[in-house]
């Protein structure tokens, strides 16, 4: 069974985990209803994408 010979330092462990940070969710405003939405996705409040009605939304 493989067992490490030396303890991994905090610096080495932190350097390995440097790329694991979560990035915040990006939002843009919908051009149709001005609500915040994820980029390149259908607006959840009005159902439009690229200024065209794609999905019928029940209110």
C-alpha atoms as a PDB file:
ATOM      1  CA  UNK A   1       0.000   0.000   0.000  1.00  0.00           C
ATOM      2  CA  UNK A   2       1.402   3.408  -0.965  1.00  0.00           C
ATOM      3  CA  UNK A   3       1.982   5.702   2.010  1.00  0.00           C
ATOM      4  CA  UNK A   4       3.532   9.185   1.758  1.00  0.00           C
ATOM      5  CA  UNK A   5       6.977   9.412   3.293  1.00  0.00           C
ATOM      6  CA  UNK A   6       6.671  13.111   4.267  1.00  0.00           C
ATOM      7  CA  UNK A   7       3.760  15.306   5.318  1.00  0.00           C
ATOM      8  CA  UNK A   8       2.396  17.527   2.528  1.00  0.00           C
ATOM      9  CA  UNK A   9       2.911  21.168   3.508  1.00  0.00           C
ATOM     10  CA  UNK A  10       0.084  23.715   3.551  1.00  0.00           C
ATOM     11  CA  UNK A  11       1.752  25.621   0.725  1.00  0.00           C
ATOM     12  CA  UNK A  12       2.026  22.578  -1.553  1.00  0.00           C
ATOM     13  CA  UNK A  13      -1.538  21.518  -0.753  1.00  0.00           C
ATOM     14  CA  UNK A  14      -2.805  25.049  -1.423  1.00  0.00           C
ATOM     15  CA  UNK A  15      -0.936  25.268  -4.713  1.00  0.00           C
ATOM     16  CA  UNK A  16      -2.575  22.041  -5.854  1.00  0.00           C
ATOM     17  CA  UNK A  17      -6.023  23.361  -4.938  1.00  0.00           C
ATOM     18  CA  UNK A  18      -5.498  26.792  -6.519  1.00  0.00           C
ATOM     19  CA  UNK A  19      -7.718  26.001  -9.524  1.00  0.00           C
ATOM     20  CA  UNK A  20     -10.675  24.587  -7.570  1.00  0.00           C
ATOM     21  CA  UNK A  21     -12.247  27.917  -6.610  1.00  0.00           C
ATOM     22  CA  UNK A  22     -15.857  28.499  -7.679  1.00  0.00           C
ATOM     23  CA  UNK A  23     -16.553  31.449  -9.937  1.00  0.00           C
ATOM     24  CA  UNK A  24     -19.688  33.575  -9.474  1.00  0.00           C
ATOM     25  CA  UNK A  25     -22.660  33.023 -11.781  1.00  0.00           C
ATOM     26  CA  UNK A  26     -22.595  35.397 -14.761  1.00  0.00           C
ATOM     27  CA  UNK A  27     -25.805  37.256 -15.598  1.00  0.00           C
ATOM     28  CA  UNK A  28     -26.898  39.594 -18.364  1.00  0.00           C
ATOM     29  CA  UNK A  29     -30.124  41.562 -18.747  1.00  0.00           C
ATOM     30  CA  UNK A  30     -32.799  40.270 -21.080  1.00  0.00           C
ATOM     31  CA  UNK A  31     -33.267  42.552 -24.082  1.00  0.00           C
ATOM     32  CA  UNK A  32     -37.020  41.855 -24.084  1.00  0.00           C
ATOM     33  CA  UNK A  33     -38.041  42.221 -20.408  1.00  0.00           C
ATOM     34  CA  UNK A  34     -34.855  43.574 -18.703  1.00  0.00           C
ATOM     35  CA  UNK A  35     -34.765  40.715 -16.186  1.00  0.00           C
ATOM     36  CA  UNK A  36     -31.417  39.118 -15.272  1.00  0.00           C
ATOM     37  CA  UNK A  37     -30.708  35.841 -17.068  1.00  0.00           C
ATOM     38  CA  UNK A  38     -27.797  33.484 -17.795  1.00  0.00           C
ATOM     39  CA  UNK A  39     -25.999  34.268 -21.072  1.00  0.00           C
ATOM     40  CA  UNK A  40     -26.874  32.169 -24.154  1.00  0.00           C
ATOM     41  CA  UNK A  41     -30.007  30.753 -22.503  1.00  0.00           C
ATOM     42  CA  UNK A  42     -33.747  31.319 -22.820  1.00  0.00           C
ATOM     43  CA  UNK A  43     -35.098  33.974 -20.447  1.00  0.00           C
ATOM     44  CA  UNK A  44     -37.077  32.281 -17.672  1.00  0.00           C
ATOM     45  CA  UNK A  45     -39.423  35.213 -17.122  1.00  0.00           C
ATOM     46  CA  UNK A  46     -40.531  35.985 -20.694  1.00  0.00           C
ATOM     47  CA  UNK A  47     -39.393  32.914 -22.707  1.00  0.00           C
ATOM     48  CA  UNK A  48     -37.484  34.811 -25.377  1.00  0.00           C
ATOM     49  CA  UNK A  49     -34.047  34.171 -26.855  1.00  0.00           C
ATOM     50  CA  UNK A  50     -32.209  36.531 -29.206  1.00  0.00           C
ATOM     51  CA  UNK A  51     -35.267  38.834 -29.229  1.00  0.00           C
ATOM     52  CA  UNK A  52     -37.524  36.022 -30.515  1.00  0.00           C
ATOM     53  CA  UNK A  53     -40.318  34.314 -28.569  1.00  0.00           C
ATOM     54  CA  UNK A  54     -39.183  30.708 -28.165  1.00  0.00           C
ATOM     55  CA  UNK A  55     -41.089  29.338 -25.166  1.00  0.00           C
ATOM     56  CA  UNK A  56     -44.622  30.117 -24.007  1.00  0.00           C
ATOM     57  CA  UNK A  57     -44.463  31.173 -20.326  1.00  0.00           C
ATOM     58  CA  UNK A  58     -47.456  30.808 -18.008  1.00  0.00           C
ATOM     59  CA  UNK A  59     -47.910  33.703 -15.594  1.00  0.00           C
END
